[in-house]
Amino acid sequence: MSQRLHLVFGGELVTPTKNVFRDVNAIHIVGMFPDYASAFAAWKAEAQRTVDNAHMRYFIAHIHRLRDEASAASPTEELGA
């Protein structure tokens, strides 16, 4: 079975309507996770921690898709459903 690595990261955006970081050097790298469920838990914790700042956004990057772009995956496949 191949690993399905996920990167959780975020930071302050220039405007809440676009995904453009105010300062790329200040991006918060939460961490790399071995599955979507643990990445989602980390993403949710950071999103809730920064909920009072409308400019803060956190994202989950599907690193495993960069390694094997020919392999399609759906969100339900990520959760094991």
PDB file of N, CA and C in Angstrom:
ATOM      1  N   MET A   1       0.836  -1.184   0.000  1.00  0.00           N
ATOM      2  CA  MET A   1       0.000   0.000   0.000  1.00  0.00           C
ATOM      3  C   MET A   1       0.882   1.250   0.000  1.00  0.00           C
ATOM      4  N   SER A   2       0.579   2.200  -0.859  1.00  0.00           N
ATOM      5  CA  SER A   2       1.376   3.418  -0.932  1.00  0.00           C
ATOM      6  C   SER A   2       0.937   4.413   0.147  1.00  0.00           C
ATOM      7  N   GLN A   3       1.872   5.260   0.522  1.00  0.00           N
ATOM      8  CA  GLN A   3       1.555   6.298   1.507  1.00  0.00           C
ATOM      9  C   GLN A   3       0.760   7.406   0.833  1.00  0.00           C
ATOM     10  N   ARG A   4      -0.135   7.992   1.560  1.00  0.00           N
ATOM     11  CA  ARG A   4      -0.916   9.129   1.069  1.00  0.00           C
ATOM     12  C   ARG A   4      -0.585  10.321   1.956  1.00  0.00           C
ATOM     13  N   LEU A   5       0.541  10.953   1.664  1.00  0.00           N
ATOM     14  CA  LEU A   5       1.028  12.056   2.484  1.00  0.00           C
ATOM     15  C   LEU A   5       0.225  13.326   2.246  1.00  0.00           C
ATOM     16  N   HIS A   6       0.002  14.074   3.338  1.00  0.00           N
ATOM     17  CA  HIS A   6      -0.746  15.324   3.281  1.00  0.00           C
ATOM     18  C   HIS A   6      -0.003  16.383   4.085  1.00  0.00           C
ATOM     19  N   LEU A   7       0.110  17.571   3.517  1.00  0.00           N
ATOM     20  CA  LEU A   7       0.754  18.702   4.173  1.00  0.00           C
ATOM     21  C   LEU A   7      -0.320  19.688   4.602  1.00  0.00           C
ATOM     22  N   VAL A   8      -0.272  20.112   5.854  1.00  0.00           N
ATOM     23  CA  VAL A   8      -1.201  21.122   6.365  1.00  0.00           C
ATOM     24  C   VAL A   8      -0.397  22.404   6.583  1.00  0.00           C
ATOM     25  N   PHE A   9      -0.875  23.495   5.978  1.00  0.00           N
ATOM     26  CA  PHE A   9      -0.181  24.772   6.093  1.00  0.00           C
ATOM     27  C   PHE A   9      -1.200  25.903   6.009  1.00  0.00           C
ATOM     28  N   GLY A  10      -0.778  27.089   6.404  1.00  0.00           N
ATOM     29  CA  GLY A  10      -1.680  28.221   6.333  1.00  0.00           C
ATOM     30  C   GLY A  10      -0.988  29.510   6.669  1.00  0.00           C
ATOM     31  N   GLY A  11      -1.769  30.570   6.630  1.00  0.00           N
ATOM     32  CA  GLY A  11      -1.236  31.885   6.941  1.00  0.00           C
ATOM     33  C   GLY A  11      -2.263  32.956   6.651  1.00  0.00           C
ATOM     34  N   GLU A  12      -1.801  34.173   6.779  1.00  0.00           N
ATOM     35  CA  GLU A  12      -2.694  35.311   6.583  1.00  0.00           C
ATOM     36  C   GLU A  12      -2.768  35.667   5.097  1.00  0.00           C
ATOM     37  N   LEU A  13      -3.980  35.856   4.618  1.00  0.00           N
ATOM     38  CA  LEU A  13      -4.212  36.199   3.216  1.00  0.00           C
ATOM     39  C   LEU A  13      -4.306  37.710   3.033  1.00  0.00           C
ATOM     40  N   VAL A  14      -4.034  38.179   1.823  1.00  0.00           N
ATOM     41  CA  VAL A  14      -4.162  39.593   1.501  1.00  0.00           C
ATOM     42  C   VAL A  14      -5.620  40.017   1.667  1.00  0.00           C
ATOM     43  N   THR A  15      -6.524  39.199   1.154  1.00  0.00           N
ATOM     44  CA  THR A  15      -7.960  39.437   1.268  1.00  0.00           C
ATOM     45  C   THR A  15      -8.652  38.085   1.428  1.00  0.00           C
ATOM     46  N   PRO A  16      -9.709  38.012   2.200  1.00  0.00           N
ATOM     47  CA  PRO A  16     -10.396  36.730   2.400  1.00  0.00           C
ATOM     48  C   PRO A  16     -11.003  36.133   1.127  1.00  0.00           C
ATOM     49  N   THR A  17     -11.117  36.920   0.066  1.00  0.00           N
ATOM     50  CA  THR A  17     -11.741  36.429  -1.159  1.00  0.00           C
ATOM     51  C   THR A  17     -10.774  35.756  -2.127  1.00  0.00           C
ATOM     52  N   LYS A  18      -9.461  35.817  -1.845  1.00  0.00           N
ATOM     53  CA  LYS A  18      -8.466  35.206  -2.729  1.00  0.00           C
ATOM     54  C   LYS A  18      -7.457  34.415  -1.911  1.00  0.00           C
ATOM     55  N   ASN A  19      -6.890  33.401  -2.512  1.00  0.00           N
ATOM     56  CA  ASN A  19      -5.892  32.572  -1.833  1.00  0.00           C
ATOM     57  C   ASN A  19      -4.474  33.067  -2.118  1.00  0.00           C
ATOM     58  N   VAL A  20      -4.206  34.317  -1.741  1.00  0.00           N
ATOM     59  CA  VAL A  20      -2.889  34.931  -1.911  1.00  0.00           C
ATOM     60  C   VAL A  20      -2.378  35.304  -0.528  1.00  0.00           C
ATOM     61  N   PHE A  21      -1.242  34.731  -0.141  1.00  0.00           N
ATOM     62  CA  PHE A  21      -0.693  34.985   1.190  1.00  0.00           C
ATOM     63  C   PHE A  21      -0.103  36.389   1.278  1.00  0.00           C
ATOM     64  N   ARG A  22      -0.327  37.035   2.427  1.00  0.00           N
ATOM     65  CA  ARG A  22       0.222  38.363   2.682  1.00  0.00           C
ATOM     66  C   ARG A  22       1.748  38.311   2.727  1.00  0.00           C
ATOM     67  N   ASP A  23       2.306  37.313   3.409  1.00  0.00           N
ATOM     68  CA  ASP A  23       3.755  37.169   3.545  1.00  0.00           C
ATOM     69  C   ASP A  23       4.110  35.686   3.428  1.00  0.00           C
ATOM     70  N   VAL A  24       4.644  35.296   2.285  1.00  0.00           N
ATOM     71  CA  VAL A  24       4.974  33.893   2.040  1.00  0.00           C
ATOM     72  C   VAL A  24       5.997  33.378   3.059  1.00  0.00           C
ATOM     73  N   ASN A  25       6.874  34.245   3.522  1.00  0.00           N
ATOM     74  CA  ASN A  25       7.881  33.843   4.511  1.00  0.00           C
ATOM     75  C   ASN A  25       7.274  33.547   5.882  1.00  0.00           C
ATOM     76  N   ALA A  26       6.036  33.980   6.106  1.00  0.00           N
ATOM     77  CA  ALA A  26       5.374  33.763   7.391  1.00  0.00           C
ATOM     78  C   ALA A  26       4.361  32.619   7.350  1.00  0.00           C
ATOM     79  N   ILE A  27       4.376  31.812   6.286  1.00  0.00           N
ATOM     80  CA  ILE A  27       3.440  30.689   6.199  1.00  0.00           C
ATOM     81  C   ILE A  27       3.718  29.705   7.332  1.00  0.00           C
ATOM     82  N   HIS A  28       2.672  29.292   7.999  1.00  0.00           N
ATOM     83  CA  HIS A  28       2.774  28.355   9.119  1.00  0.00           C
ATOM     84  C   HIS A  28       2.654  26.927   8.574  1.00  0.00           C
ATOM     85  N   ILE A  29       3.727  26.174   8.692  1.00  0.00           N
ATOM     86  CA  ILE A  29       3.710  24.764   8.298  1.00  0.00           C
ATOM     87  C   ILE A  29       3.298  23.962   9.529  1.00  0.00           C
ATOM     88  N   VAL A  30       2.095  23.431   9.508  1.00  0.00           N
ATOM     89  CA  VAL A  30       1.586  22.653  10.647  1.00  0.00           C
ATOM     90  C   VAL A  30       2.289  21.304  10.693  1.00  0.00           C
ATOM     91  N   GLY A  31       2.396  20.650   9.523  1.00  0.00           N
ATOM     92  CA  GLY A  31       3.101  19.377   9.481  1.00  0.00           C
ATOM     93  C   GLY A  31       2.672  18.499   8.324  1.00  0.00           C
ATOM     94  N   MET A  32       3.370  17.369   8.220  1.00  0.00           N
ATOM     95  CA  MET A  32       3.105  16.354   7.206  1.00  0.00           C
ATOM     96  C   MET A  32       2.403  15.199   7.908  1.00  0.00           C
ATOM     97  N   PHE A  33       1.351  14.672   7.287  1.00  0.00           N
ATOM     98  CA  PHE A  33       0.545  13.636   7.920  1.00  0.00           C
ATOM     99  C   PHE A  33       0.399  12.432   6.991  1.00  0.00           C
ATOM    100  N   PRO A  34       0.342  11.228   7.567  1.00  0.00           N
ATOM    101  CA  PRO A  34       0.336  10.005   6.766  1.00  0.00           C
ATOM    102  C   PRO A  34      -1.018   9.636   6.169  1.00  0.00           C
ATOM    103  N   ASP A  35      -2.080  10.341   6.567  1.00  0.00           N
ATOM    104  CA  ASP A  35      -3.403  10.035   6.035  1.00  0.00           C
ATOM    105  C   ASP A  35      -4.278  11.280   6.116  1.00  0.00           C
ATOM    106  N   TYR A  36      -5.367  11.265   5.361  1.00  0.00           N
ATOM    107  CA  TYR A  36      -6.244  12.428   5.291  1.00  0.00           C
ATOM    108  C   TYR A  36      -6.915  12.715   6.630  1.00  0.00           C
ATOM    109  N   ALA A  37      -7.314  11.685   7.351  1.00  0.00           N
ATOM    110  CA  ALA A  37      -8.022  11.886   8.619  1.00  0.00           C
ATOM    111  C   ALA A  37      -7.166  12.668   9.620  1.00  0.00           C
ATOM    112  N   SER A  38      -5.904  12.324   9.757  1.00  0.00           N
ATOM    113  CA  SER A  38      -5.045  13.042  10.710  1.00  0.00           C
ATOM    114  C   SER A  38      -4.728  14.446  10.197  1.00  0.00           C
ATOM    115  N   ALA A  39      -4.587  14.607   8.883  1.00  0.00           N
ATOM    116  CA  ALA A  39      -4.368  15.938   8.311  1.00  0.00           C
ATOM    117  C   ALA A  39      -5.595  16.813   8.535  1.00  0.00           C
ATOM    118  N   PHE A  40      -6.771  16.238   8.354  1.00  0.00           N
ATOM    119  CA  PHE A  40      -8.011  16.989   8.560  1.00  0.00           C
ATOM    120  C   PHE A  40      -8.145  17.432  10.017  1.00  0.00           C
ATOM    121  N   ALA A  41      -7.793  16.569  10.944  1.00  0.00           N
ATOM    122  CA  ALA A  41      -7.855  16.923  12.372  1.00  0.00           C
ATOM    123  C   ALA A  41      -6.917  18.082  12.679  1.00  0.00           C
ATOM    124  N   ALA A  42      -5.717  18.057  12.119  1.00  0.00           N
ATOM    125  CA  ALA A  42      -4.748  19.141  12.337  1.00  0.00           C
ATOM    126  C   ALA A  42      -5.245  20.433  11.680  1.00  0.00           C
ATOM    127  N   TRP A  43      -5.781  20.322  10.458  1.00  0.00           N
ATOM    128  CA  TRP A  43      -6.325  21.486   9.765  1.00  0.00           C
ATOM    129  C   TRP A  43      -7.459  22.117  10.576  1.00  0.00           C
ATOM    130  N   LYS A  44      -8.356  21.275  11.065  1.00  0.00           N
ATOM    131  CA  LYS A  44      -9.510  21.764  11.821  1.00  0.00           C
ATOM    132  C   LYS A  44      -9.072  22.473  13.100  1.00  0.00           C
ATOM    133  N   ALA A  45      -8.079  21.913  13.797  1.00  0.00           N
ATOM    134  CA  ALA A  45      -7.580  22.530  15.033  1.00  0.00           C
ATOM    135  C   ALA A  45      -7.006  23.915  14.757  1.00  0.00           C
ATOM    136  N   GLU A  46      -6.218  24.047  13.690  1.00  0.00           N
ATOM    137  CA  GLU A  46      -5.630  25.348  13.355  1.00  0.00           C
ATOM    138  C   GLU A  46      -6.702  26.326  12.879  1.00  0.00           C
ATOM    139  N   ALA A  47      -7.638  25.854  12.082  1.00  0.00           N
ATOM    140  CA  ALA A  47      -8.716  26.723  11.601  1.00  0.00           C
ATOM    141  C   ALA A  47      -9.551  27.243  12.770  1.00  0.00           C
ATOM    142  N   GLN A  48      -9.840  26.390  13.738  1.00  0.00           N
ATOM    143  CA  GLN A  48     -10.621  26.814  14.903  1.00  0.00           C
ATOM    144  C   GLN A  48      -9.810  27.748  15.790  1.00  0.00           C
ATOM    145  N   ARG A  49      -8.506  27.522  15.885  1.00  0.00           N
ATOM    146  CA  ARG A  49      -7.643  28.359  16.717  1.00  0.00           C
ATOM    147  C   ARG A  49      -7.584  29.788  16.170  1.00  0.00           C
ATOM    148  N   THR A  50      -7.698  29.947  14.855  1.00  0.00           N
ATOM    149  CA  THR A  50      -7.575  31.262  14.230  1.00  0.00           C
ATOM    150  C   THR A  50      -8.908  31.796  13.703  1.00  0.00           C
ATOM    151  N   VAL A  51     -10.003  31.274  14.193  1.00  0.00           N
ATOM    152  CA  VAL A  51     -11.330  31.612  13.668  1.00  0.00           C
ATOM    153  C   VAL A  51     -11.654  33.107  13.790  1.00  0.00           C
ATOM    154  N   ASP A  52     -11.071  33.806  14.735  1.00  0.00           N
ATOM    155  CA  ASP A  52     -11.371  35.228  14.916  1.00  0.00           C
ATOM    156  C   ASP A  52     -10.695  36.131  13.883  1.00  0.00           C
ATOM    157  N   ASN A  53      -9.760  35.600  13.103  1.00  0.00           N
ATOM    158  CA  ASN A  53      -9.077  36.379  12.073  1.00  0.00           C
ATOM    159  C   ASN A  53      -9.586  35.926  10.707  1.00  0.00           C
ATOM    160  N   ALA A  54     -10.404  36.744  10.074  1.00  0.00           N
ATOM    161  CA  ALA A  54     -11.011  36.378   8.786  1.00  0.00           C
ATOM    162  C   ALA A  54      -9.984  36.221   7.668  1.00  0.00           C
ATOM    163  N   HIS A  55      -8.785  36.750   7.856  1.00  0.00           N
ATOM    164  CA  HIS A  55      -7.753  36.663   6.830  1.00  0.00           C
ATOM    165  C   HIS A  55      -6.903  35.392   6.940  1.00  0.00           C
ATOM    166  N   MET A  56      -7.058  34.647   8.009  1.00  0.00           N
ATOM    167  CA  MET A  56      -6.263  33.428   8.193  1.00  0.00           C
ATOM    168  C   MET A  56      -6.946  32.259   7.500  1.00  0.00           C
ATOM    169  N   ARG A  57      -6.160  31.471   6.763  1.00  0.00           N
ATOM    170  CA  ARG A  57      -6.673  30.277   6.095  1.00  0.00           C
ATOM    171  C   ARG A  57      -5.645  29.158   6.214  1.00  0.00           C
ATOM    172  N   TYR A  58      -6.157  27.965   6.401  1.00  0.00           N
ATOM    173  CA  TYR A  58      -5.319  26.767   6.419  1.00  0.00           C
ATOM    174  C   TYR A  58      -5.782  25.839   5.301  1.00  0.00           C
ATOM    175  N   PHE A  59      -4.835  25.095   4.759  1.00  0.00           N
ATOM    176  CA  PHE A  59      -5.089  24.233   3.607  1.00  0.00           C
ATOM    177  C   PHE A  59      -4.486  22.850   3.833  1.00  0.00           C
ATOM    178  N   ILE A  60      -5.044  21.875   3.126  1.00  0.00           N
ATOM    179  CA  ILE A  60      -4.472  20.523   3.091  1.00  0.00           C
ATOM    180  C   ILE A  60      -4.002  20.283   1.667  1.00  0.00           C
ATOM    181  N   ALA A  61      -2.700  20.022   1.515  1.00  0.00           N
ATOM    182  CA  ALA A  61      -2.136  19.700   0.204  1.00  0.00           C
ATOM    183  C   ALA A  61      -1.945  18.190   0.122  1.00  0.00           C
ATOM    184  N   HIS A  62      -2.424  17.604  -0.945  1.00  0.00           N
ATOM    185  CA  HIS A  62      -2.328  16.163  -1.154  1.00  0.00           C
ATOM    186  C   HIS A  62      -0.985  15.851  -1.813  1.00  0.00           C
ATOM    187  N   ILE A  63       0.042  15.691  -1.007  1.00  0.00           N
ATOM    188  CA  ILE A  63       1.398  15.483  -1.503  1.00  0.00           C
ATOM    189  C   ILE A  63       1.505  14.193  -2.322  1.00  0.00           C
ATOM    190  N   HIS A  64       0.767  13.187  -1.936  1.00  0.00           N
ATOM    191  CA  HIS A  64       0.831  11.916  -2.656  1.00  0.00           C
ATOM    192  C   HIS A  64       0.409  12.071  -4.117  1.00  0.00           C
ATOM    193  N   ARG A  65      -0.427  13.036  -4.423  1.00  0.00           N
ATOM    194  CA  ARG A  65      -0.843  13.267  -5.807  1.00  0.00           C
ATOM    195  C   ARG A  65       0.294  13.862  -6.636  1.00  0.00           C
ATOM    196  N   LEU A  66       1.198  14.557  -6.002  1.00  0.00           N
ATOM    197  CA  LEU A  66       2.353  15.096  -6.715  1.00  0.00           C
ATOM    198  C   LEU A  66       3.319  13.989  -7.111  1.00  0.00           C
ATOM    199  N   ARG A  67       3.352  12.939  -6.305  1.00  0.00           N
ATOM    200  CA  ARG A  67       4.246  11.822  -6.593  1.00  0.00           C
ATOM    201  C   ARG A  67       3.702  10.936  -7.691  1.00  0.00           C
ATOM    202  N   ASP A  68       2.379  10.789  -7.782  1.00  0.00           N
ATOM    203  CA  ASP A  68       1.771   9.912  -8.781  1.00  0.00           C
ATOM    204  C   ASP A  68       0.512  10.576  -9.326  1.00  0.00           C
ATOM    205  N   GLU A  69       0.700  11.491 -10.273  1.00  0.00           N
ATOM    206  CA  GLU A  69      -0.424  12.261 -10.800  1.00  0.00           C
ATOM    207  C   GLU A  69      -1.397  11.420 -11.618  1.00  0.00           C
ATOM    208  N   ALA A  70      -0.984  10.268 -12.079  1.00  0.00           N
ATOM    209  CA  ALA A  70      -1.861   9.417 -12.882  1.00  0.00           C
ATOM    210  C   ALA A  70      -2.916   8.731 -12.034  1.00  0.00           C
ATOM    211  N   SER A  71      -2.701   8.682 -10.742  1.00  0.00           N
ATOM    212  CA  SER A  71      -3.621   8.005  -9.835  1.00  0.00           C
ATOM    213  C   SER A  71      -4.648   8.990  -9.289  1.00  0.00           C
ATOM    214  N   ALA A  72      -5.885   8.857  -9.730  1.00  0.00           N
ATOM    215  CA  ALA A  72      -6.947   9.748  -9.255  1.00  0.00           C
ATOM    216  C   ALA A  72      -7.452   9.289  -7.891  1.00  0.00           C
ATOM    217  N   ALA A  73      -7.811  10.237  -7.056  1.00  0.00           N
ATOM    218  CA  ALA A  73      -8.348   9.923  -5.740  1.00  0.00           C
ATOM    219  C   ALA A  73      -9.489  10.891  -5.436  1.00  0.00           C
ATOM    220  N   SER A  74     -10.532  10.398  -4.837  1.00  0.00           N
ATOM    221  CA  SER A  74     -11.650  11.251  -4.465  1.00  0.00           C
ATOM    222  C   SER A  74     -11.608  11.489  -2.958  1.00  0.00           C
ATOM    223  N   PRO A  75     -12.292  12.531  -2.463  1.00  0.00           N
ATOM    224  CA  PRO A  75     -12.304  12.781  -1.018  1.00  0.00           C
ATOM    225  C   PRO A  75     -12.834  11.591  -0.221  1.00  0.00           C
ATOM    226  N   THR A  76     -13.803  10.863  -0.751  1.00  0.00           N
ATOM    227  CA  THR A  76     -14.325   9.698  -0.018  1.00  0.00           C
ATOM    228  C   THR A  76     -13.308   8.572   0.018  1.00  0.00           C
ATOM    229  N   GLU A  77     -12.496   8.465  -1.040  1.00  0.00           N
ATOM    230  CA  GLU A  77     -11.447   7.454  -1.036  1.00  0.00           C
ATOM    231  C   GLU A  77     -10.424   7.776   0.054  1.00  0.00           C
ATOM    232  N   GLU A  78     -10.171   9.063   0.263  1.00  0.00           N
ATOM    233  CA  GLU A  78      -9.213   9.491   1.274  1.00  0.00           C
ATOM    234  C   GLU A  78      -9.649   9.042   2.680  1.00  0.00           C
ATOM    235  N   LEU A  79     -10.930   9.078   2.928  1.00  0.00           N
ATOM    236  CA  LEU A  79     -11.454   8.738   4.248  1.00  0.00           C
ATOM    237  C   LEU A  79     -11.671   7.238   4.428  1.00  0.00           C
ATOM    238  N   GLY A  80     -11.418   6.472   3.382  1.00  0.00           N
ATOM    239  CA  GLY A  80     -11.571   5.030   3.472  1.00  0.00           C
ATOM    240  C   GLY A  80     -12.994   4.555   3.276  1.00  0.00           C
ATOM    241  N   ALA A  81     -13.866   5.427   2.770  1.00  0.00           N
ATOM    242  CA  ALA A  81     -15.269   5.061   2.559  1.00  0.00           C
ATOM    243  C   ALA A  81     -15.480   4.386   1.229  1.00  0.00           C
TER     244      ALA A  81
END
